[in-house]
Amino acid sequence: MKKSQLKSLPLLLVAAAAGTGCTMMGNFVKSELSAYAEPTTGELAHVRLVGSRNVKVYPASTCPSVYVPGSGYPAGPQMGGQRKRDLGMPKTGHEPKHFVEIAARGDEPITTAFQIGRYKGQWQQSCYVANTFVPQTGRNYEVTATWMGDRCVAAVYEIVKGAAGYQRSRVPTATATCPQTEPAADA
């Protein structure tokens, strides 16, 4: 690409975005720059999200959609880099370097969606997985996502006190799904 073509590239990108419609661009910006609206009062549970990059939270919903009120990144918009947030939840001794602990409404569904990647040989693979569960008030949970063969899976664990300290106990989840139709573009 010539130098003169590079100068016009930003203008072309803006024109392309305008051509696709303001709604689409607005949804992209909302999706990528929104922070999770974390509750601070009421009946709460705590959730540790393993890995702090590329995980979004959708409160009071079984649907991972930009239209879910309060949805977003748990540690603020992801503009690069990992984040760590420790609320003092019980530790099992197997926490990775990066995790984010959040408050969530107890007895309401919450959906977590992970976009994870890995290198396999010279190729980079990417995978998306979204699960939903209902955290119980006053309890602590951990949500992880990992590769299993050629697909990624998410798992939810309750952190419980055992004879040897705190341990993880698997919690049933459901695959996150959305209704067939999304709200109107001007909603």
C-alpha atoms as a PDB file:
ATOM      1  CA  MET A   1       0.000   0.000   0.000  1.00  0.00           C
ATOM      2  CA  LYS A   2       1.324   3.428  -0.910  1.00  0.00           C
ATOM      3  CA  LYS A   3       1.778   6.161   1.685  1.00  0.00           C
ATOM      4  CA  SER A   4      -1.085   8.214   0.187  1.00  0.00           C
ATOM      5  CA  GLN A   5      -3.378   5.181   0.441  1.00  0.00           C
ATOM      6  CA  LEU A   6      -2.480   4.770   4.112  1.00  0.00           C
ATOM      7  CA  LYS A   7      -3.553   8.349   4.862  1.00  0.00           C
ATOM      8  CA  SER A   8      -7.011   7.668   3.441  1.00  0.00           C
ATOM      9  CA  LEU A   9      -7.415   4.341   5.268  1.00  0.00           C
ATOM     10  CA  PRO A  10      -9.008   5.867   8.423  1.00  0.00           C
ATOM     11  CA  LEU A  11     -11.502   7.727   6.235  1.00  0.00           C
ATOM     12  CA  LEU A  12     -12.339   4.503   4.405  1.00  0.00           C
ATOM     13  CA  LEU A  13     -12.896   2.692   7.709  1.00  0.00           C
ATOM     14  CA  VAL A  14     -15.262   5.423   8.936  1.00  0.00           C
ATOM     15  CA  ALA A  15     -17.136   5.329   5.632  1.00  0.00           C
ATOM     16  CA  ALA A  16     -17.404   1.549   5.818  1.00  0.00           C
ATOM     17  CA  ALA A  17     -18.717   1.756   9.363  1.00  0.00           C
ATOM     18  CA  ALA A  18     -21.273   4.349   8.311  1.00  0.00           C
ATOM     19  CA  GLY A  19     -22.254   2.160   5.385  1.00  0.00           C
ATOM     20  CA  THR A  20     -22.996  -0.751   7.698  1.00  0.00           C
ATOM     21  CA  GLY A  21     -25.275   1.409   9.779  1.00  0.00           C
ATOM     22  CA  CYS A  22     -24.900   3.309  13.005  1.00  0.00           C
ATOM     23  CA  THR A  23     -26.753   0.596  14.920  1.00  0.00           C
ATOM     24  CA  MET A  24     -24.219  -2.081  14.058  1.00  0.00           C
ATOM     25  CA  MET A  25     -21.288   0.183  14.947  1.00  0.00           C
ATOM     26  CA  GLY A  26     -23.053   1.323  18.129  1.00  0.00           C
ATOM     27  CA  ASN A  27     -23.604  -2.292  19.188  1.00  0.00           C
ATOM     28  CA  PHE A  28     -19.955  -3.095  18.531  1.00  0.00           C
ATOM     29  CA  VAL A  29     -18.781  -0.143  20.616  1.00  0.00           C
ATOM     30  CA  LYS A  30     -21.249  -0.982  23.400  1.00  0.00           C
ATOM     31  CA  SER A  31     -20.156  -4.598  23.364  1.00  0.00           C
ATOM     32  CA  GLU A  32     -16.433  -3.886  23.439  1.00  0.00           C
ATOM     33  CA  LEU A  33     -16.369  -0.870  25.743  1.00  0.00           C
ATOM     34  CA  SER A  34     -18.982  -1.767  28.340  1.00  0.00           C
ATOM     35  CA  ALA A  35     -18.202  -2.688  31.923  1.00  0.00           C
ATOM     36  CA  TYR A  36     -20.234  -5.194  33.914  1.00  0.00           C
ATOM     37  CA  ALA A  37     -22.731  -3.352  36.140  1.00  0.00           C
ATOM     38  CA  GLU A  38     -21.736  -5.095  39.337  1.00  0.00           C
ATOM     39  CA  PRO A  39     -24.316  -5.058  42.153  1.00  0.00           C
ATOM     40  CA  THR A  40     -23.154  -3.590  45.463  1.00  0.00           C
ATOM     41  CA  THR A  41     -26.194  -4.181  47.647  1.00  0.00           C
ATOM     42  CA  GLY A  42     -28.823  -6.842  48.188  1.00  0.00           C
ATOM     43  CA  GLU A  43     -28.532 -10.621  48.237  1.00  0.00           C
ATOM     44  CA  LEU A  44     -25.152 -11.357  46.675  1.00  0.00           C
ATOM     45  CA  ALA A  45     -22.961 -14.280  45.695  1.00  0.00           C
ATOM     46  CA  HIS A  46     -19.324 -14.039  44.606  1.00  0.00           C
ATOM     47  CA  VAL A  47     -17.867 -15.422  41.396  1.00  0.00           C
ATOM     48  CA  ARG A  48     -14.213 -15.843  40.454  1.00  0.00           C
ATOM     49  CA  LEU A  49     -13.664 -15.727  36.698  1.00  0.00           C
ATOM     50  CA  VAL A  50     -10.432 -17.504  35.813  1.00  0.00           C
ATOM     51  CA  GLY A  51      -8.537 -15.428  33.296  1.00  0.00           C
ATOM     52  CA  SER A  52      -9.421 -11.776  33.153  1.00  0.00           C
ATOM     53  CA  ARG A  53      -9.234 -11.101  29.457  1.00  0.00           C
ATOM     54  CA  ASN A  54     -11.931 -11.961  26.973  1.00  0.00           C
ATOM     55  CA  VAL A  55     -14.647 -12.921  29.436  1.00  0.00           C
ATOM     56  CA  LYS A  56     -17.942 -11.075  29.570  1.00  0.00           C
ATOM     57  CA  VAL A  57     -20.722 -11.243  32.128  1.00  0.00           C
ATOM     58  CA  TYR A  58     -24.462 -11.069  31.411  1.00  0.00           C
ATOM     59  CA  PRO A  59     -26.436 -10.568  34.668  1.00  0.00           C
ATOM     60  CA  ALA A  60     -30.005 -11.779  35.206  1.00  0.00           C
ATOM     61  CA  SER A  61     -29.929 -13.485  31.812  1.00  0.00           C
ATOM     62  CA  THR A  62     -29.307 -16.799  30.088  1.00  0.00           C
ATOM     63  CA  CYS A  63     -28.450 -14.914  26.898  1.00  0.00           C
ATOM     64  CA  PRO A  64     -25.000 -13.574  25.967  1.00  0.00           C
ATOM     65  CA  SER A  65     -26.171 -10.532  24.017  1.00  0.00           C
ATOM     66  CA  VAL A  66     -25.167  -6.888  23.797  1.00  0.00           C
ATOM     67  CA  TYR A  67     -28.831  -6.134  24.574  1.00  0.00           C
ATOM     68  CA  VAL A  68     -28.636  -7.535  28.136  1.00  0.00           C
ATOM     69  CA  PRO A  69     -28.763  -4.575  30.555  1.00  0.00           C
ATOM     70  CA  GLY A  70     -25.645  -4.363  32.730  1.00  0.00           C
ATOM     71  CA  SER A  71     -23.601  -6.763  30.598  1.00  0.00           C
ATOM     72  CA  GLY A  72     -19.925  -6.206  29.958  1.00  0.00           C
ATOM     73  CA  TYR A  73     -16.383  -6.943  30.996  1.00  0.00           C
ATOM     74  CA  PRO A  74     -16.006  -7.621  34.726  1.00  0.00           C
ATOM     75  CA  ALA A  75     -12.804  -5.605  35.080  1.00  0.00           C
ATOM     76  CA  GLY A  76     -13.722  -2.802  32.698  1.00  0.00           C
ATOM     77  CA  PRO A  77     -13.323  -2.575  28.934  1.00  0.00           C
ATOM     78  CA  GLN A  78     -10.655  -4.857  27.524  1.00  0.00           C
ATOM     79  CA  MET A  79      -8.229  -2.710  25.597  1.00  0.00           C
ATOM     80  CA  GLY A  80      -5.380  -5.161  26.071  1.00  0.00           C
ATOM     81  CA  GLY A  81      -3.571  -6.727  28.968  1.00  0.00           C
ATOM     82  CA  GLN A  82      -4.718  -8.911  31.825  1.00  0.00           C
ATOM     83  CA  ARG A  83      -6.357  -7.681  34.983  1.00  0.00           C
ATOM     84  CA  LYS A  84      -6.580  -9.115  38.466  1.00  0.00           C
ATOM     85  CA  ARG A  85      -9.212  -8.339  41.062  1.00  0.00           C
ATOM     86  CA  ASP A  86      -9.237 -10.115  44.405  1.00  0.00           C
ATOM     87  CA  LEU A  87     -12.295  -9.590  46.636  1.00  0.00           C
ATOM     88  CA  GLY A  88     -10.923 -11.981  49.236  1.00  0.00           C
ATOM     89  CA  MET A  89     -12.911 -15.041  48.204  1.00  0.00           C
ATOM     90  CA  PRO A  90     -11.719 -18.349  49.728  1.00  0.00           C
ATOM     91  CA  LYS A  91      -8.764 -19.754  47.783  1.00  0.00           C
ATOM     92  CA  THR A  92      -8.319 -23.394  46.797  1.00  0.00           C
ATOM     93  CA  GLY A  93      -4.600 -23.086  46.137  1.00  0.00           C
ATOM     94  CA  HIS A  94      -5.021 -23.612  42.379  1.00  0.00           C
ATOM     95  CA  GLU A  95      -5.778 -20.044  41.325  1.00  0.00           C
ATOM     96  CA  PRO A  96      -3.952 -18.898  38.212  1.00  0.00           C
ATOM     97  CA  LYS A  97      -2.035 -15.643  37.975  1.00  0.00           C
ATOM     98  CA  HIS A  98      -4.991 -13.804  36.426  1.00  0.00           C
ATOM     99  CA  PHE A  99      -8.517 -13.886  37.781  1.00  0.00           C
ATOM    100  CA  VAL A 100     -11.285 -11.438  38.489  1.00  0.00           C
ATOM    101  CA  GLU A 101     -13.647 -11.805  41.435  1.00  0.00           C
ATOM    102  CA  ILE A 102     -17.063 -10.182  41.122  1.00  0.00           C
ATOM    103  CA  ALA A 103     -20.292  -9.856  43.028  1.00  0.00           C
ATOM    104  CA  ALA A 104     -23.456 -11.213  41.405  1.00  0.00           C
ATOM    105  CA  ARG A 105     -27.092 -11.228  42.410  1.00  0.00           C
ATOM    106  CA  GLY A 106     -27.892 -14.363  44.336  1.00  0.00           C
ATOM    107  CA  ASP A 107     -30.682 -16.617  43.094  1.00  0.00           C
ATOM    108  CA  GLU A 108     -30.682 -15.013  39.610  1.00  0.00           C
ATOM    109  CA  PRO A 109     -29.156 -16.541  36.477  1.00  0.00           C
ATOM    110  CA  ILE A 110     -25.831 -15.184  35.314  1.00  0.00           C
ATOM    111  CA  THR A 111     -24.134 -15.972  32.037  1.00  0.00           C
ATOM    112  CA  THR A 112     -20.400 -15.906  31.428  1.00  0.00           C
ATOM    113  CA  ALA A 113     -18.939 -15.969  27.930  1.00  0.00           C
ATOM    114  CA  PHE A 114     -15.287 -16.729  27.229  1.00  0.00           C
ATOM    115  CA  GLN A 115     -13.335 -16.151  24.035  1.00  0.00           C
ATOM    116  CA  ILE A 116     -10.174 -18.220  24.428  1.00  0.00           C
ATOM    117  CA  GLY A 117      -7.306 -18.943  22.106  1.00  0.00           C
ATOM    118  CA  ARG A 118      -4.311 -21.183  21.769  1.00  0.00           C
ATOM    119  CA  TYR A 119      -1.519 -21.935  19.364  1.00  0.00           C
ATOM    120  CA  LYS A 120      -1.530 -25.331  17.713  1.00  0.00           C
ATOM    121  CA  GLY A 121       1.624 -25.623  15.690  1.00  0.00           C
ATOM    122  CA  GLN A 122       1.916 -22.502  13.582  1.00  0.00           C
ATOM    123  CA  TRP A 123      -1.801 -21.764  13.707  1.00  0.00           C
ATOM    124  CA  GLN A 124      -3.732 -19.803  16.275  1.00  0.00           C
ATOM    125  CA  GLN A 125      -7.130 -21.224  17.190  1.00  0.00           C
ATOM    126  CA  SER A 126      -9.963 -19.323  18.810  1.00  0.00           C
ATOM    127  CA  CYS A 127     -13.014 -20.659  20.599  1.00  0.00           C
ATOM    128  CA  TYR A 128     -16.128 -19.163  22.185  1.00  0.00           C
ATOM    129  CA  VAL A 129     -18.118 -20.758  25.000  1.00  0.00           C
ATOM    130  CA  ALA A 130     -20.976 -19.354  27.080  1.00  0.00           C
ATOM    131  CA  ASN A 131     -22.647 -21.030  30.051  1.00  0.00           C
ATOM    132  CA  THR A 132     -25.252 -19.959  32.555  1.00  0.00           C
ATOM    133  CA  PHE A 133     -25.929 -20.928  36.158  1.00  0.00           C
ATOM    134  CA  VAL A 134     -27.779 -19.603  39.194  1.00  0.00           C
ATOM    135  CA  PRO A 135     -25.446 -18.652  42.056  1.00  0.00           C
ATOM    136  CA  GLN A 136     -26.946 -19.017  45.529  1.00  0.00           C
ATOM    137  CA  THR A 137     -26.886 -16.037  47.885  1.00  0.00           C
ATOM    138  CA  GLY A 138     -23.877 -15.975  50.219  1.00  0.00           C
ATOM    139  CA  ARG A 139     -21.916 -18.637  48.331  1.00  0.00           C
ATOM    140  CA  ASN A 140     -18.674 -18.511  46.322  1.00  0.00           C
ATOM    141  CA  TYR A 141     -18.109 -19.857  42.808  1.00  0.00           C
ATOM    142  CA  GLU A 142     -15.349 -20.217  40.256  1.00  0.00           C
ATOM    143  CA  VAL A 143     -15.887 -20.254  36.487  1.00  0.00           C
ATOM    144  CA  THR A 144     -13.246 -21.583  34.109  1.00  0.00           C
ATOM    145  CA  ALA A 145     -12.908 -22.184  30.396  1.00  0.00           C
ATOM    146  CA  THR A 146     -10.404 -24.491  28.756  1.00  0.00           C
ATOM    147  CA  TRP A 147      -9.739 -26.522  25.650  1.00  0.00           C
ATOM    148  CA  MET A 148     -10.949 -30.110  25.473  1.00  0.00           C
ATOM    149  CA  GLY A 149      -9.616 -31.593  22.283  1.00  0.00           C
ATOM    150  CA  ASP A 150     -10.666 -29.305  19.433  1.00  0.00           C
ATOM    151  CA  ARG A 151     -13.399 -27.453  21.322  1.00  0.00           C
ATOM    152  CA  CYS A 152     -13.551 -25.298  24.406  1.00  0.00           C
ATOM    153  CA  VAL A 153     -15.667 -25.968  27.458  1.00  0.00           C
ATOM    154  CA  ALA A 154     -16.638 -23.949  30.512  1.00  0.00           C
ATOM    155  CA  ALA A 155     -17.176 -25.274  34.008  1.00  0.00           C
ATOM    156  CA  VAL A 156     -18.605 -23.791  37.185  1.00  0.00           C
ATOM    157  CA  TYR A 157     -17.551 -24.863  40.662  1.00  0.00           C
ATOM    158  CA  GLU A 158     -18.794 -23.908  44.087  1.00  0.00           C
ATOM    159  CA  ILE A 159     -15.974 -23.258  46.530  1.00  0.00           C
ATOM    160  CA  VAL A 160     -16.723 -25.261  49.665  1.00  0.00           C
ATOM    161  CA  LYS A 161     -14.853 -25.847  52.912  1.00  0.00           C
ATOM    162  CA  GLY A 162     -13.574 -29.406  53.227  1.00  0.00           C
ATOM    163  CA  ALA A 163     -11.422 -31.309  55.676  1.00  0.00           C
ATOM    164  CA  ALA A 164      -8.255 -30.199  53.847  1.00  0.00           C
ATOM    165  CA  GLY A 165      -9.289 -26.566  53.300  1.00  0.00           C
ATOM    166  CA  TYR A 166     -11.320 -25.037  50.515  1.00  0.00           C
ATOM    167  CA  GLN A 167     -12.143 -27.234  47.528  1.00  0.00           C
ATOM    168  CA  ARG A 168     -14.089 -26.950  44.289  1.00  0.00           C
ATOM    169  CA  SER A 169     -17.351 -28.840  43.782  1.00  0.00           C
ATOM    170  CA  ARG A 170     -18.835 -28.955  40.271  1.00  0.00           C
ATOM    171  CA  VAL A 171     -22.117 -27.070  39.745  1.00  0.00           C
ATOM    172  CA  PRO A 172     -24.634 -27.897  36.985  1.00  0.00           C
ATOM    173  CA  THR A 173     -24.750 -25.365  34.164  1.00  0.00           C
ATOM    174  CA  ALA A 174     -26.688 -24.863  30.969  1.00  0.00           C
ATOM    175  CA  THR A 175     -25.507 -23.702  27.580  1.00  0.00           C
ATOM    176  CA  ALA A 176     -26.356 -20.030  27.247  1.00  0.00           C
ATOM    177  CA  THR A 177     -28.996 -19.369  24.631  1.00  0.00           C
ATOM    178  CA  CYS A 178     -30.805 -16.323  23.322  1.00  0.00           C
ATOM    179  CA  PRO A 179     -34.315 -15.920  21.983  1.00  0.00           C
ATOM    180  CA  GLN A 180     -34.661 -16.218  18.227  1.00  0.00           C
ATOM    181  CA  THR A 181     -35.241 -12.493  17.819  1.00  0.00           C
ATOM    182  CA  GLU A 182     -33.241  -9.625  19.223  1.00  0.00           C
ATOM    183  CA  PRO A 183     -34.839  -6.373  20.386  1.00  0.00           C
ATOM    184  CA  ALA A 184     -35.456  -3.691  17.778  1.00  0.00           C
ATOM    185  CA  ALA A 185     -32.358  -1.783  16.700  1.00  0.00           C
ATOM    186  CA  ASP A 186     -33.543   1.410  18.395  1.00  0.00           C
ATOM    187  CA  ALA A 187     -34.110  -0.321  21.770  1.00  0.00           C
END
